Amino acid sequence: MSENNVHAGHRERLRTRYKRCGFDDFQEHEVLELLLFYSIPRANTNPLAHNLLNHFGSLYAVMNASYEALCEVEGVGPASAALIRTVADSARAAKLKELANEPLLSPEKLYIYAAEWFLGKPHGTVAVLLLDAKRKIITVRTIAEEHLRLPASFPEEILRLCQQMDASNVVLMHNHVDGVMEPSYEDIYLTREIYRILKDNGITLLEHMIVHELDAIPCLNISMNEEVSGFPTKYKKQ
């Protein structure tokens, strides 16, 4: 039997298993094997699936790796990297669109939305989720990336954005790429400043979400009840 026939038989068996029961009884490398069939039409995709898992550590990490990071793995070409990113981004976009169809009335919905929005973002990112009076999403805006060293004008910039978009409610969101799920001194200070400035202008800061991978924690209550004095050095106006 030729090598092509062997691969063809394996592909057909894998597709049949998927049609029968989805990914329930698939190992992580088999999920990637099946996906890579669509960017690598003939060659054996098993070695590349294992390369990806060995490099990133898990299927979750593979599906949330950047295009550039995927292309660094031996055997991954532009077509395979684009396929993985397209599948992952499409699923994420569908989830966010579904969540945005209804008002975000519960804390649970806010947590889910924040965690979904940050999936695949490898760098520190700060964003604001702007909502109307009924808590329907108006838009999400990224306001800083790769840093949390933000200027003293940060709260005023959020206020201007809210006024431009006619937002009544705001959720501040940022991720901790180091996995430390606790608000920093600066997180607490800025949360209080933003809450105060928005409130003075008739806008409600509903929450400040800290995100890491699939976890999201609220820090508004922590920030409002924490003793914080002085003005953090990094936020002093120059």
Protein backbone atom coordinates (compact mmCIF):
# COMPACT_ATOMS: atom_id res chain seq x y z
CA MET A 1 0.00 0.00 0.00
CA SER A 2 1.41 3.42 -0.95
CA GLU A 3 2.12 6.12 1.63
CA ASN A 4 -0.60 8.29 0.07
CA ASN A 5 -3.17 5.50 0.54
CA VAL A 6 -2.14 5.07 4.17
CA HIS A 7 -2.61 8.80 4.82
CA ALA A 8 -5.90 8.82 2.93
CA GLY A 9 -7.21 5.95 5.04
CA HIS A 10 -6.15 7.64 8.28
CA ARG A 11 -7.78 10.91 7.25
CA GLU A 12 -11.03 9.18 6.39
CA ARG A 13 -11.08 7.34 9.72
CA LEU A 14 -10.44 10.54 11.63
CA ARG A 15 -13.16 12.39 9.74
CA THR A 16 -15.60 9.53 10.35
CA ARG A 17 -14.88 9.60 14.10
CA TYR A 18 -15.45 13.33 14.18
CA LYS A 19 -18.76 13.06 12.30
CA ARG A 20 -19.90 10.32 14.68
CA CYS A 21 -19.13 11.95 18.05
CA GLY A 22 -17.38 15.27 17.56
CA PHE A 23 -14.17 15.77 19.53
CA ASP A 24 -15.39 13.90 22.62
CA ASP A 25 -13.00 10.96 22.29
CA PHE A 26 -10.19 12.82 20.47
CA GLN A 27 -6.78 13.42 21.96
CA GLU A 28 -5.39 16.93 21.59
CA HIS A 29 -3.00 16.02 18.79
CA GLU A 30 -5.86 14.38 16.85
CA VAL A 31 -7.87 17.60 16.97
CA LEU A 32 -4.93 19.42 15.41
CA GLU A 33 -4.34 16.64 12.89
CA LEU A 34 -7.91 16.95 11.65
CA LEU A 35 -7.76 20.73 11.48
CA LEU A 36 -4.48 20.69 9.56
CA PHE A 37 -6.00 18.46 6.87
CA TYR A 38 -7.50 21.67 5.44
CA SER A 39 -4.16 23.49 5.05
CA ILE A 40 -2.02 20.42 4.24
CA PRO A 41 -4.04 18.39 1.72
CA ARG A 42 -1.80 15.33 1.33
CA ALA A 43 1.07 14.99 3.81
CA ASN A 44 0.86 13.31 7.23
CA THR A 45 -0.18 16.02 9.72
CA ASN A 46 0.53 13.94 12.85
CA PRO A 47 4.17 15.10 13.31
CA LEU A 48 3.21 18.75 12.92
CA ALA A 49 0.36 18.37 15.43
CA HIS A 50 2.84 17.00 17.95
CA ASN A 51 5.34 19.78 17.14
CA LEU A 52 2.70 22.37 17.92
CA LEU A 53 1.72 20.73 21.20
CA ASN A 54 5.34 20.30 22.26
CA HIS A 55 6.06 23.94 21.48
CA PHE A 56 3.03 25.54 23.14
CA GLY A 57 2.16 22.92 25.76
CA SER A 58 -1.56 22.44 25.12
CA LEU A 59 -4.29 22.63 22.50
CA TYR A 60 -5.66 25.72 24.25
CA ALA A 61 -2.28 27.45 23.95
CA VAL A 62 -1.95 26.49 20.28
CA MET A 63 -5.38 27.92 19.44
CA ASN A 64 -4.56 31.17 21.22
CA ALA A 65 -1.05 31.63 19.84
CA SER A 66 -0.42 34.56 17.52
CA TYR A 67 0.11 34.10 13.79
CA GLU A 68 3.77 35.07 14.21
CA ALA A 69 4.31 32.59 17.07
CA LEU A 70 2.69 29.78 15.08
CA CYS A 71 4.97 30.45 12.12
CA GLU A 72 8.00 29.97 14.37
CA VAL A 73 7.16 26.28 14.82
CA GLU A 74 9.00 23.95 12.45
CA GLY A 75 6.68 22.79 9.69
CA VAL A 76 4.05 25.50 10.14
CA GLY A 77 3.63 27.57 7.00
CA PRO A 78 1.50 30.66 6.37
CA ALA A 79 -1.54 28.58 5.35
CA SER A 80 -1.56 26.50 8.54
CA ALA A 81 -0.94 29.50 10.80
CA ALA A 82 -3.73 31.43 9.07
CA LEU A 83 -6.10 28.46 9.36
CA ILE A 84 -5.55 28.06 13.10
CA ARG A 85 -5.95 31.78 13.75
CA THR A 86 -9.05 32.01 11.54
CA VAL A 87 -10.77 29.10 13.29
CA ALA A 88 -9.94 30.43 16.76
CA ASP A 89 -10.86 34.04 15.94
CA SER A 90 -14.12 33.00 14.24
CA ALA A 91 -15.24 31.05 17.31
CA ARG A 92 -14.31 33.96 19.57
CA ALA A 93 -16.10 36.51 17.37
CA ALA A 94 -19.26 34.37 17.28
CA LYS A 95 -19.25 34.08 21.07
CA LEU A 96 -18.78 37.82 21.57
CA LYS A 97 -21.53 38.63 19.06
CA GLU A 98 -23.89 36.24 20.84
CA LEU A 99 -23.12 37.80 24.23
CA ALA A 100 -23.64 41.29 22.79
CA ASN A 101 -27.15 40.46 21.57
CA GLU A 102 -28.56 40.89 25.07
CA PRO A 103 -27.86 43.44 27.83
CA LEU A 104 -25.00 42.49 30.15
CA LEU A 105 -27.10 42.59 33.30
CA SER A 106 -25.35 40.01 35.46
CA PRO A 107 -21.78 39.91 36.82
CA GLU A 108 -21.42 36.46 35.27
CA LYS A 109 -22.02 37.86 31.78
CA LEU A 110 -19.42 40.55 32.37
CA TYR A 111 -16.87 37.94 33.47
CA ILE A 112 -17.55 35.76 30.43
CA TYR A 113 -17.38 38.69 28.01
CA ALA A 114 -14.10 39.98 29.46
CA ALA A 115 -12.47 36.53 29.40
CA GLU A 116 -13.60 35.89 25.81
CA TRP A 117 -12.47 39.32 24.61
CA PHE A 118 -8.93 38.85 25.92
CA LEU A 119 -8.41 35.37 24.48
CA GLY A 120 -5.36 35.31 22.23
CA LYS A 121 -3.95 38.61 23.45
CA PRO A 122 -0.37 37.81 24.55
CA HIS A 123 0.51 41.32 25.76
CA GLY A 124 -0.78 43.55 28.51
CA THR A 125 -3.86 45.29 27.13
CA VAL A 126 -6.27 47.82 28.62
CA ALA A 127 -9.73 48.24 27.14
CA VAL A 128 -13.06 49.82 27.98
CA LEU A 129 -16.42 48.19 27.35
CA LEU A 130 -18.95 50.98 26.72
CA LEU A 131 -22.64 50.31 27.35
CA ASP A 132 -25.86 52.31 27.06
CA ALA A 133 -28.37 52.94 29.84
CA LYS A 134 -29.86 49.45 29.36
CA ARG A 135 -26.38 47.87 29.46
CA LYS A 136 -26.36 46.97 25.79
CA ILE A 137 -22.87 47.08 24.32
CA ILE A 138 -22.05 50.17 22.27
CA THR A 139 -18.45 49.27 21.53
CA VAL A 140 -15.19 48.00 22.99
CA ARG A 141 -12.11 50.18 22.64
CA THR A 142 -8.50 49.26 23.25
CA ILE A 143 -6.82 52.20 24.94
CA ALA A 144 -3.34 50.85 25.70
CA GLU A 145 -1.14 47.84 24.88
CA GLU A 146 2.07 46.15 26.01
CA HIS A 147 2.52 48.12 29.30
CA LEU A 148 0.43 49.28 32.10
CA ARG A 149 2.40 52.50 32.37
CA LEU A 150 -0.41 54.89 31.67
CA PRO A 151 -0.37 58.70 31.99
CA ALA A 152 -2.14 60.75 34.63
CA SER A 153 -4.63 61.82 31.94
CA PHE A 154 -5.90 58.23 31.61
CA PRO A 155 -9.20 58.77 33.53
CA GLU A 156 -9.97 61.94 31.54
CA GLU A 157 -9.33 60.08 28.28
CA ILE A 158 -11.89 57.44 29.29
CA LEU A 159 -14.38 60.19 30.15
CA ARG A 160 -13.92 61.80 26.73
CA LEU A 161 -14.46 58.46 25.02
CA CYS A 162 -17.65 57.85 27.03
CA GLN A 163 -18.97 61.27 26.10
CA GLN A 164 -18.15 60.78 22.42
CA MET A 165 -19.98 57.44 22.34
CA ASP A 166 -22.83 58.55 24.64
CA ALA A 167 -22.11 55.72 27.08
CA SER A 168 -24.00 55.55 30.37
CA ASN A 169 -22.09 52.59 31.79
CA VAL A 170 -18.47 51.47 31.53
CA VAL A 171 -16.52 48.32 32.29
CA LEU A 172 -12.75 48.79 32.51
CA MET A 173 -10.84 45.63 31.54
CA HIS A 174 -7.18 44.69 31.51
CA ASN A 175 -5.20 41.46 31.55
CA HIS A 176 -2.40 40.28 33.80
CA VAL A 177 -0.20 38.21 31.52
CA ASP A 178 1.87 37.05 34.50
CA GLY A 179 -1.16 35.25 35.91
CA VAL A 180 -1.26 37.20 39.20
CA MET A 181 -4.99 37.61 39.75
CA GLU A 182 -4.86 40.44 42.26
CA PRO A 183 -5.17 44.19 41.67
CA SER A 184 -1.93 46.11 41.92
CA TYR A 185 -1.55 49.40 43.78
CA GLU A 186 -1.89 51.22 40.45
CA ASP A 187 -5.00 49.17 39.55
CA ILE A 188 -6.64 50.24 42.79
CA TYR A 189 -5.65 53.86 42.47
CA LEU A 190 -6.80 54.20 38.86
CA THR A 191 -10.07 52.39 39.54
CA ARG A 192 -10.93 54.91 42.23
CA GLU A 193 -9.95 57.86 40.08
CA ILE A 194 -11.96 56.61 37.10
CA TYR A 195 -14.96 55.83 39.28
CA ARG A 196 -14.91 59.33 40.79
CA ILE A 197 -14.47 61.21 37.50
CA LEU A 198 -17.15 59.20 35.69
CA LYS A 199 -19.62 59.52 38.59
CA ASP A 200 -19.16 63.30 38.65
CA ASN A 201 -20.27 63.30 35.00
CA GLY A 202 -23.27 61.00 35.40
CA ILE A 203 -21.55 57.84 34.11
CA THR A 204 -21.33 54.60 36.06
CA LEU A 205 -18.20 52.45 36.27
CA LEU A 206 -19.90 49.08 36.59
CA GLU A 207 -16.73 47.07 37.14
CA HIS A 208 -13.00 46.80 36.60
CA MET A 209 -12.19 43.30 35.38
CA ILE A 210 -8.73 41.73 35.66
CA VAL A 211 -8.30 38.86 33.20
CA HIS A 212 -5.88 36.00 32.76
CA GLU A 213 -6.68 33.35 30.14
CA LEU A 214 -10.15 32.02 31.03
CA ASP A 215 -10.28 33.66 34.47
CA ALA A 216 -11.69 37.09 35.22
CA ILE A 217 -12.02 38.75 38.60
CA PRO A 218 -13.72 42.01 39.61
CA CYS A 219 -11.71 44.59 41.51
CA LEU A 220 -14.11 47.56 41.85
CA ASN A 221 -15.22 46.73 45.40
CA ILE A 222 -11.65 45.89 46.41
CA SER A 223 -10.45 49.20 45.01
CA MET A 224 -13.17 51.29 46.65
CA ASN A 225 -12.61 49.72 50.07
CA GLU A 226 -8.81 49.57 50.00
CA GLU A 227 -6.77 52.20 51.83
CA VAL A 228 -4.75 54.02 49.18
CA SER A 229 -2.96 57.27 49.81
CA GLY A 230 -0.76 59.50 47.72
CA PHE A 231 -0.32 59.68 43.98
CA PRO A 232 1.64 56.79 42.40
CA THR A 233 4.94 58.01 40.99
CA LYS A 234 4.31 56.55 37.55
CA TYR A 235 1.12 58.65 37.23
CA LYS A 236 2.60 62.02 38.22
CA LYS A 237 2.20 64.62 35.53
CA GLN A 238 5.48 65.58 33.95
